[in-house]
């Protein structure tokens, strides 16, 4: 059975991102579907679908495997402090 591919122009984390140790400002997030993001381009990052962006990031790696997307990104700028 085929699975749809979703093309995204902003990254919505829903608070599920995990900081990667020993890598400056690097995070990983997993999605239970196939998603495609522009690589090495600045995109906005939001916590929820209907919330304002919290900053900008750059997707550095996408892995599609077993109906899941693993997205590694670098936080480039943060609009305000938590």
PDB file of N, CA and C in Angstrom:
ATOM      1  N   UNK A   1       0.833  -1.165   0.000  1.00  0.00           N
ATOM      2  CA  UNK A   1       0.000   0.000   0.000  1.00  0.00           C
ATOM      3  C   UNK A   1       0.888   1.242   0.000  1.00  0.00           C
ATOM      4  N   UNK A   2       0.545   2.215  -0.802  1.00  0.00           N
ATOM      5  CA  UNK A   2       1.356   3.418  -0.893  1.00  0.00           C
ATOM      6  C   UNK A   2       1.051   4.364   0.268  1.00  0.00           C
ATOM      7  N   UNK A   3       2.000   5.256   0.520  1.00  0.00           N
ATOM      8  CA  UNK A   3       1.839   6.241   1.586  1.00  0.00           C
ATOM      9  C   UNK A   3       2.122   7.608   0.992  1.00  0.00           C
ATOM     10  N   UNK A   4       1.288   8.598   1.279  1.00  0.00           N
ATOM     11  CA  UNK A   4       1.487   9.908   0.675  1.00  0.00           C
ATOM     12  C   UNK A   4       2.750  10.591   1.177  1.00  0.00           C
ATOM     13  N   UNK A   5       3.271  11.473   0.348  1.00  0.00           N
ATOM     14  CA  UNK A   5       4.416  12.302   0.684  1.00  0.00           C
ATOM     15  C   UNK A   5       3.907  13.719   0.866  1.00  0.00           C
ATOM     16  N   UNK A   6       4.233  14.340   1.991  1.00  0.00           N
ATOM     17  CA  UNK A   6       3.779  15.696   2.291  1.00  0.00           C
ATOM     18  C   UNK A   6       4.957  16.646   2.129  1.00  0.00           C
ATOM     19  N   UNK A   7       4.770  17.703   1.358  1.00  0.00           N
ATOM     20  CA  UNK A   7       5.806  18.715   1.177  1.00  0.00           C
ATOM     21  C   UNK A   7       5.519  19.860   2.142  1.00  0.00           C
ATOM     22  N   UNK A   8       6.493  20.193   2.975  1.00  0.00           N
ATOM     23  CA  UNK A   8       6.338  21.214   4.007  1.00  0.00           C
ATOM     24  C   UNK A   8       7.264  22.395   3.739  1.00  0.00           C
ATOM     25  N   UNK A   9       6.819  23.602   4.127  1.00  0.00           N
ATOM     26  CA  UNK A   9       7.641  24.813   3.985  1.00  0.00           C
ATOM     27  C   UNK A   9       7.902  25.465   5.330  1.00  0.00           C
ATOM     28  N   UNK A  10       7.437  24.839   6.400  1.00  0.00           N
ATOM     29  CA  UNK A  10       7.800  25.239   7.761  1.00  0.00           C
ATOM     30  C   UNK A  10       7.798  23.985   8.617  1.00  0.00           C
ATOM     31  N   UNK A  11       8.542  24.043   9.680  1.00  0.00           N
ATOM     32  CA  UNK A  11       8.691  22.890  10.564  1.00  0.00           C
ATOM     33  C   UNK A  11       7.861  23.131  11.821  1.00  0.00           C
ATOM     34  N   UNK A  12       6.885  22.269  12.076  1.00  0.00           N
ATOM     35  CA  UNK A  12       6.038  22.348  13.261  1.00  0.00           C
ATOM     36  C   UNK A  12       6.437  21.190  14.176  1.00  0.00           C
ATOM     37  N   UNK A  13       6.931  21.523  15.365  1.00  0.00           N
ATOM     38  CA  UNK A  13       7.530  20.498  16.225  1.00  0.00           C
ATOM     39  C   UNK A  13       6.575  19.862  17.235  1.00  0.00           C
ATOM     40  N   UNK A  14       5.532  20.534  17.633  1.00  0.00           N
ATOM     41  CA  UNK A  14       4.612  20.053  18.674  1.00  0.00           C
ATOM     42  C   UNK A  14       5.362  19.665  19.948  1.00  0.00           C
ATOM     43  N   UNK A  15       6.545  20.264  20.149  1.00  0.00           N
ATOM     44  CA  UNK A  15       7.343  19.993  21.350  1.00  0.00           C
ATOM     45  C   UNK A  15       8.020  18.636  21.355  1.00  0.00           C
ATOM     46  N   UNK A  16       8.105  17.958  20.214  1.00  0.00           N
ATOM     47  CA  UNK A  16       8.660  16.600  20.162  1.00  0.00           C
ATOM     48  C   UNK A  16      10.116  16.559  19.700  1.00  0.00           C
ATOM     49  N   UNK A  17      10.719  17.733  19.510  1.00  0.00           N
ATOM     50  CA  UNK A  17      12.113  17.774  19.059  1.00  0.00           C
ATOM     51  C   UNK A  17      13.045  17.346  20.191  1.00  0.00           C
ATOM     52  N   UNK A  18      14.190  16.773  19.817  1.00  0.00           N
ATOM     53  CA  UNK A  18      15.192  16.357  20.796  1.00  0.00           C
ATOM     54  C   UNK A  18      16.527  16.981  20.406  1.00  0.00           C
ATOM     55  N   UNK A  19      17.163  17.599  21.386  1.00  0.00           N
ATOM     56  CA  UNK A  19      18.478  18.204  21.136  1.00  0.00           C
ATOM     57  C   UNK A  19      19.512  17.094  20.951  1.00  0.00           C
ATOM     58  N   UNK A  20      20.365  17.249  19.943  1.00  0.00           N
ATOM     59  CA  UNK A  20      21.431  16.284  19.697  1.00  0.00           C
ATOM     60  C   UNK A  20      22.658  16.692  20.504  1.00  0.00           C
ATOM     61  N   UNK A  21      23.139  15.803  21.326  1.00  0.00           N
ATOM     62  CA  UNK A  21      24.290  16.097  22.177  1.00  0.00           C
ATOM     63  C   UNK A  21      25.545  16.291  21.342  1.00  0.00           C
ATOM     64  N   UNK A  22      26.431  17.120  21.844  1.00  0.00           N
ATOM     65  CA  UNK A  22      27.733  17.384  21.232  1.00  0.00           C
ATOM     66  C   UNK A  22      27.644  18.008  19.848  1.00  0.00           C
ATOM     67  N   UNK A  23      26.491  18.581  19.499  1.00  0.00           N
ATOM     68  CA  UNK A  23      26.336  19.263  18.221  1.00  0.00           C
ATOM     69  C   UNK A  23      25.627  20.584  18.488  1.00  0.00           C
ATOM     70  N   UNK A  24      26.257  21.683  18.140  1.00  0.00           N
ATOM     71  CA  UNK A  24      25.742  23.003  18.480  1.00  0.00           C
ATOM     72  C   UNK A  24      24.426  23.305  17.768  1.00  0.00           C
ATOM     73  N   UNK A  25      23.395  23.596  18.554  1.00  0.00           N
ATOM     74  CA  UNK A  25      22.074  24.003  18.054  1.00  0.00           C
ATOM     75  C   UNK A  25      21.440  22.988  17.099  1.00  0.00           C
ATOM     76  N   UNK A  26      21.756  21.716  17.260  1.00  0.00           N
ATOM     77  CA  UNK A  26      21.217  20.679  16.386  1.00  0.00           C
ATOM     78  C   UNK A  26      20.109  19.917  17.109  1.00  0.00           C
ATOM     79  N   UNK A  27      19.037  19.625  16.359  1.00  0.00           N
ATOM     80  CA  UNK A  27      17.877  18.939  16.897  1.00  0.00           C
ATOM     81  C   UNK A  27      17.439  17.847  15.927  1.00  0.00           C
ATOM     82  N   UNK A  28      16.661  16.904  16.454  1.00  0.00           N
ATOM     83  CA  UNK A  28      16.081  15.837  15.632  1.00  0.00           C
ATOM     84  C   UNK A  28      14.613  15.718  15.996  1.00  0.00           C
ATOM     85  N   UNK A  29      13.799  15.497  14.985  1.00  0.00           N
ATOM     86  CA  UNK A  29      12.380  15.260  15.203  1.00  0.00           C
ATOM     87  C   UNK A  29      11.946  14.139  14.275  1.00  0.00           C
ATOM     88  N   UNK A  30      11.011  13.326  14.751  1.00  0.00           N
ATOM     89  CA  UNK A  30      10.492  12.198  13.967  1.00  0.00           C
ATOM     90  C   UNK A  30       9.012  12.416  13.685  1.00  0.00           C
ATOM     91  N   UNK A  31       8.619  12.063  12.470  1.00  0.00           N
ATOM     92  CA  UNK A  31       7.229  12.159  12.044  1.00  0.00           C
ATOM     93  C   UNK A  31       6.752  10.772  11.635  1.00  0.00           C
ATOM     94  N   UNK A  32       5.503  10.436  11.911  1.00  0.00           N
ATOM     95  CA  UNK A  32       4.935   9.135  11.578  1.00  0.00           C
ATOM     96  C   UNK A  32       4.376   9.097  10.163  1.00  0.00           C
ATOM     97  N   UNK A  33       4.988   9.824   9.274  1.00  0.00           N
ATOM     98  CA  UNK A  33       4.603   9.844   7.858  1.00  0.00           C
ATOM     99  C   UNK A  33       5.795  10.380   7.067  1.00  0.00           C
ATOM    100  N   UNK A  34       5.721  10.266   5.775  1.00  0.00           N
ATOM    101  CA  UNK A  34       6.786  10.795   4.938  1.00  0.00           C
ATOM    102  C   UNK A  34       6.560  12.278   4.712  1.00  0.00           C
ATOM    103  N   UNK A  35       7.586  13.078   5.044  1.00  0.00           N
ATOM    104  CA  UNK A  35       7.536  14.520   4.825  1.00  0.00           C
ATOM    105  C   UNK A  35       8.796  14.943   4.095  1.00  0.00           C
ATOM    106  N   UNK A  36       8.642  15.951   3.283  1.00  0.00           N
ATOM    107  CA  UNK A  36       9.775  16.495   2.535  1.00  0.00           C
ATOM    108  C   UNK A  36       9.907  17.975   2.872  1.00  0.00           C
ATOM    109  N   UNK A  37      11.128  18.404   3.204  1.00  0.00           N
ATOM    110  CA  UNK A  37      11.437  19.789   3.515  1.00  0.00           C
ATOM    111  C   UNK A  37      12.557  20.265   2.598  1.00  0.00           C
ATOM    112  N   UNK A  38      12.637  21.565   2.343  1.00  0.00           N
ATOM    113  CA  UNK A  38      13.790  22.064   1.584  1.00  0.00           C
ATOM    114  C   UNK A  38      15.066  21.883   2.419  1.00  0.00           C
ATOM    115  N   UNK A  39      16.095  21.370   1.813  1.00  0.00           N
ATOM    116  CA  UNK A  39      17.363  21.106   2.487  1.00  0.00           C
ATOM    117  C   UNK A  39      18.264  22.334   2.377  1.00  0.00           C
ATOM    118  N   UNK A  40      18.974  22.632   3.469  1.00  0.00           N
ATOM    119  CA  UNK A  40      19.939  23.734   3.526  1.00  0.00           C
ATOM    120  C   UNK A  40      19.350  25.087   3.162  1.00  0.00           C
ATOM    121  N   UNK A  41      18.077  25.283   3.450  1.00  0.00           N
ATOM    122  CA  UNK A  41      17.398  26.560   3.268  1.00  0.00           C
ATOM    123  C   UNK A  41      16.802  26.971   4.602  1.00  0.00           C
ATOM    124  N   UNK A  42      16.730  28.263   4.864  1.00  0.00           N
ATOM    125  CA  UNK A  42      16.108  28.734   6.106  1.00  0.00           C
ATOM    126  C   UNK A  42      14.601  28.548   6.021  1.00  0.00           C
ATOM    127  N   UNK A  43      14.036  27.910   7.043  1.00  0.00           N
ATOM    128  CA  UNK A  43      12.585  27.773   7.132  1.00  0.00           C
ATOM    129  C   UNK A  43      12.156  28.147   8.547  1.00  0.00           C
ATOM    130  N   UNK A  44      10.912  28.562   8.684  1.00  0.00           N
ATOM    131  CA  UNK A  44      10.399  28.935   9.991  1.00  0.00           C
ATOM    132  C   UNK A  44      10.068  27.690  10.808  1.00  0.00           C
ATOM    133  N   UNK A  45      10.270  27.814  12.119  1.00  0.00           N
ATOM    134  CA  UNK A  45       9.973  26.729  13.047  1.00  0.00           C
ATOM    135  C   UNK A  45       8.899  27.213  14.014  1.00  0.00           C
ATOM    136  N   UNK A  46       7.840  26.426  14.162  1.00  0.00           N
ATOM    137  CA  UNK A  46       6.755  26.729  15.085  1.00  0.00           C
ATOM    138  C   UNK A  46       6.541  25.539  16.005  1.00  0.00           C
ATOM    139  N   UNK A  47       5.979  25.804  17.169  1.00  0.00           N
ATOM    140  CA  UNK A  47       5.672  24.710  18.099  1.00  0.00           C
ATOM    141  C   UNK A  47       4.347  24.029  17.753  1.00  0.00           C
ATOM    142  N   UNK A  48       3.381  24.806  17.221  1.00  0.00           N
ATOM    143  CA  UNK A  48       2.066  24.265  16.893  1.00  0.00           C
ATOM    144  C   UNK A  48       1.603  24.807  15.546  1.00  0.00           C
ATOM    145  N   UNK A  49       0.626  24.164  14.945  1.00  0.00           N
ATOM    146  CA  UNK A  49       0.120  24.564  13.640  1.00  0.00           C
ATOM    147  C   UNK A  49      -0.387  26.001  13.615  1.00  0.00           C
ATOM    148  N   UNK A  50      -1.021  26.426  14.691  1.00  0.00           N
ATOM    149  CA  UNK A  50      -1.640  27.747  14.711  1.00  0.00           C
ATOM    150  C   UNK A  50      -0.859  28.775  15.535  1.00  0.00           C
ATOM    151  N   UNK A  51       0.398  28.500  15.881  1.00  0.00           N
ATOM    152  CA  UNK A  51       1.185  29.441  16.671  1.00  0.00           C
ATOM    153  C   UNK A  51       2.184  30.192  15.798  1.00  0.00           C
ATOM    154  N   UNK A  52       2.635  31.318  16.310  1.00  0.00           N
ATOM    155  CA  UNK A  52       3.632  32.129  15.609  1.00  0.00           C
ATOM    156  C   UNK A  52       4.974  31.392  15.593  1.00  0.00           C
ATOM    157  N   UNK A  53       5.798  31.660  14.609  1.00  0.00           N
ATOM    158  CA  UNK A  53       7.118  31.022  14.556  1.00  0.00           C
ATOM    159  C   UNK A  53       7.975  31.391  15.770  1.00  0.00           C
ATOM    160  N   UNK A  54       8.775  30.452  16.243  1.00  0.00           N
ATOM    161  CA  UNK A  54       9.684  30.703  17.355  1.00  0.00           C
ATOM    162  C   UNK A  54      11.083  31.054  16.858  1.00  0.00           C
ATOM    163  N   UNK A  55      11.349  30.763  15.596  1.00  0.00           N
ATOM    164  CA  UNK A  55      12.658  31.046  15.035  1.00  0.00           C
ATOM    165  C   UNK A  55      12.799  30.448  13.651  1.00  0.00           C
ATOM    166  N   UNK A  56      14.050  30.415  13.180  1.00  0.00           N
ATOM    167  CA  UNK A  56      14.369  29.847  11.863  1.00  0.00           C
ATOM    168  C   UNK A  56      15.373  28.718  12.029  1.00  0.00           C
ATOM    169  N   UNK A  57      15.260  27.765  11.162  1.00  0.00           N
ATOM    170  CA  UNK A  57      16.181  26.643  11.182  1.00  0.00           C
ATOM    171  C   UNK A  57      16.587  26.257   9.781  1.00  0.00           C
ATOM    172  N   UNK A  58      17.537  25.337   9.716  1.00  0.00           N
ATOM    173  CA  UNK A  58      18.025  24.830   8.441  1.00  0.00           C
ATOM    174  C   UNK A  58      18.039  23.310   8.526  1.00  0.00           C
ATOM    175  N   UNK A  59      17.263  22.663   7.673  1.00  0.00           N
ATOM    176  CA  UNK A  59      17.232  21.200   7.627  1.00  0.00           C
ATOM    177  C   UNK A  59      18.551  20.727   7.023  1.00  0.00           C
ATOM    178  N   UNK A  60      19.256  19.849   7.723  1.00  0.00           N
ATOM    179  CA  UNK A  60      20.532  19.364   7.227  1.00  0.00           C
ATOM    180  C   UNK A  60      20.488  17.898   6.796  1.00  0.00           C
ATOM    181  N   UNK A  61      19.464  17.157   7.279  1.00  0.00           N
ATOM    182  CA  UNK A  61      19.376  15.741   6.896  1.00  0.00           C
ATOM    183  C   UNK A  61      17.943  15.252   7.036  1.00  0.00           C
ATOM    184  N   UNK A  62      17.492  14.504   6.050  1.00  0.00           N
ATOM    185  CA  UNK A  62      16.191  13.841   6.084  1.00  0.00           C
ATOM    186  C   UNK A  62      16.403  12.364   5.832  1.00  0.00           C
ATOM    187  N   UNK A  63      15.762  11.537   6.639  1.00  0.00           N
ATOM    188  CA  UNK A  63      15.838  10.085   6.456  1.00  0.00           C
ATOM    189  C   UNK A  63      14.409   9.564   6.408  1.00  0.00           C
ATOM    190  N   UNK A  64      14.081   8.849   5.344  1.00  0.00           N
ATOM    191  CA  UNK A  64      12.772   8.222   5.221  1.00  0.00           C
ATOM    192  C   UNK A  64      12.970   6.718   5.371  1.00  0.00           C
ATOM    193  N   UNK A  65      12.264   6.134   6.321  1.00  0.00           N
ATOM    194  CA  UNK A  65      12.412   4.709   6.551  1.00  0.00           C
ATOM    195  C   UNK A  65      11.188   4.186   7.287  1.00  0.00           C
ATOM    196  N   UNK A  66      10.643   3.098   6.818  1.00  0.00           N
ATOM    197  CA  UNK A  66       9.571   2.386   7.507  1.00  0.00           C
ATOM    198  C   UNK A  66       8.406   3.310   7.883  1.00  0.00           C
ATOM    199  N   UNK A  67       7.905   4.067   6.889  1.00  0.00           N
ATOM    200  CA  UNK A  67       6.764   4.983   7.047  1.00  0.00           C
ATOM    201  C   UNK A  67       7.019   6.078   8.074  1.00  0.00           C
ATOM    202  N   UNK A  68       8.273   6.495   8.210  1.00  0.00           N
ATOM    203  CA  UNK A  68       8.648   7.516   9.172  1.00  0.00           C
ATOM    204  C   UNK A  68       9.678   8.459   8.540  1.00  0.00           C
ATOM    205  N   UNK A  69       9.645   9.721   8.961  1.00  0.00           N
ATOM    206  CA  UNK A  69      10.641  10.698   8.531  1.00  0.00           C
ATOM    207  C   UNK A  69      11.437  11.132   9.753  1.00  0.00           C
ATOM    208  N   UNK A  70      12.754  11.068   9.644  1.00  0.00           N
ATOM    209  CA  UNK A  70      13.639  11.582  10.677  1.00  0.00           C
ATOM    210  C   UNK A  70      14.270  12.845  10.099  1.00  0.00           C
ATOM    211  N   UNK A  71      14.060  13.949  10.781  1.00  0.00           N
ATOM    212  CA  UNK A  71      14.516  15.247  10.307  1.00  0.00           C
ATOM    213  C   UNK A  71      15.534  15.806  11.293  1.00  0.00           C
ATOM    214  N   UNK A  72      16.744  16.109  10.813  1.00  0.00           N
ATOM    215  CA  UNK A  72      17.758  16.742  11.645  1.00  0.00           C
ATOM    216  C   UNK A  72      17.911  18.176  11.153  1.00  0.00           C
ATOM    217  N   UNK A  73      17.844  19.099  12.116  1.00  0.00           N
ATOM    218  CA  UNK A  73      17.926  20.506  11.728  1.00  0.00           C
ATOM    219  C   UNK A  73      18.761  21.299  12.721  1.00  0.00           C
ATOM    220  N   UNK A  74      19.290  22.413  12.226  1.00  0.00           N
ATOM    221  CA  UNK A  74      20.058  23.337  13.051  1.00  0.00           C
ATOM    222  C   UNK A  74      19.214  24.567  13.304  1.00  0.00           C
ATOM    223  N   UNK A  75      19.095  24.960  14.550  1.00  0.00           N
ATOM    224  CA  UNK A  75      18.389  26.185  14.900  1.00  0.00           C
ATOM    225  C   UNK A  75      19.321  27.345  14.581  1.00  0.00           C
ATOM    226  N   UNK A  76      18.927  28.171  13.620  1.00  0.00           N
ATOM    227  CA  UNK A  76      19.773  29.267  13.146  1.00  0.00           C
ATOM    228  C   UNK A  76      19.510  30.539  13.936  1.00  0.00           C
ATOM    229  N   UNK A  77      18.250  30.837  14.184  1.00  0.00           N
ATOM    230  CA  UNK A  77      17.909  32.026  14.970  1.00  0.00           C
ATOM    231  C   UNK A  77      16.667  31.745  15.804  1.00  0.00           C
ATOM    232  N   UNK A  78      16.632  32.379  16.969  1.00  0.00           N
ATOM    233  CA  UNK A  78      15.508  32.260  17.887  1.00  0.00           C
ATOM    234  C   UNK A  78      14.914  33.653  18.051  1.00  0.00           C
ATOM    235  N   UNK A  79      13.617  33.790  17.845  1.00  0.00           N
ATOM    236  CA  UNK A  79      12.990  35.105  17.875  1.00  0.00           C
ATOM    237  C   UNK A  79      12.892  35.693  19.270  1.00  0.00           C
ATOM    238  N   UNK A  80      12.714  34.859  20.296  1.00  0.00           N
ATOM    239  CA  UNK A  80      12.699  35.352  21.671  1.00  0.00           C
ATOM    240  C   UNK A  80      13.204  34.249  22.596  1.00  0.00           C
ATOM    241  N   UNK A  81      13.525  34.617  23.806  1.00  0.00           N
ATOM    242  CA  UNK A  81      14.067  33.669  24.781  1.00  0.00           C
ATOM    243  C   UNK A  81      12.916  32.977  25.500  1.00  0.00           C
ATOM    244  N   UNK A  82      13.066  31.667  25.729  1.00  0.00           N
ATOM    245  CA  UNK A  82      12.014  30.901  26.404  1.00  0.00           C
ATOM    246  C   UNK A  82      11.726  31.420  27.779  1.00  0.00           C
TER     247      UNK A  82
END
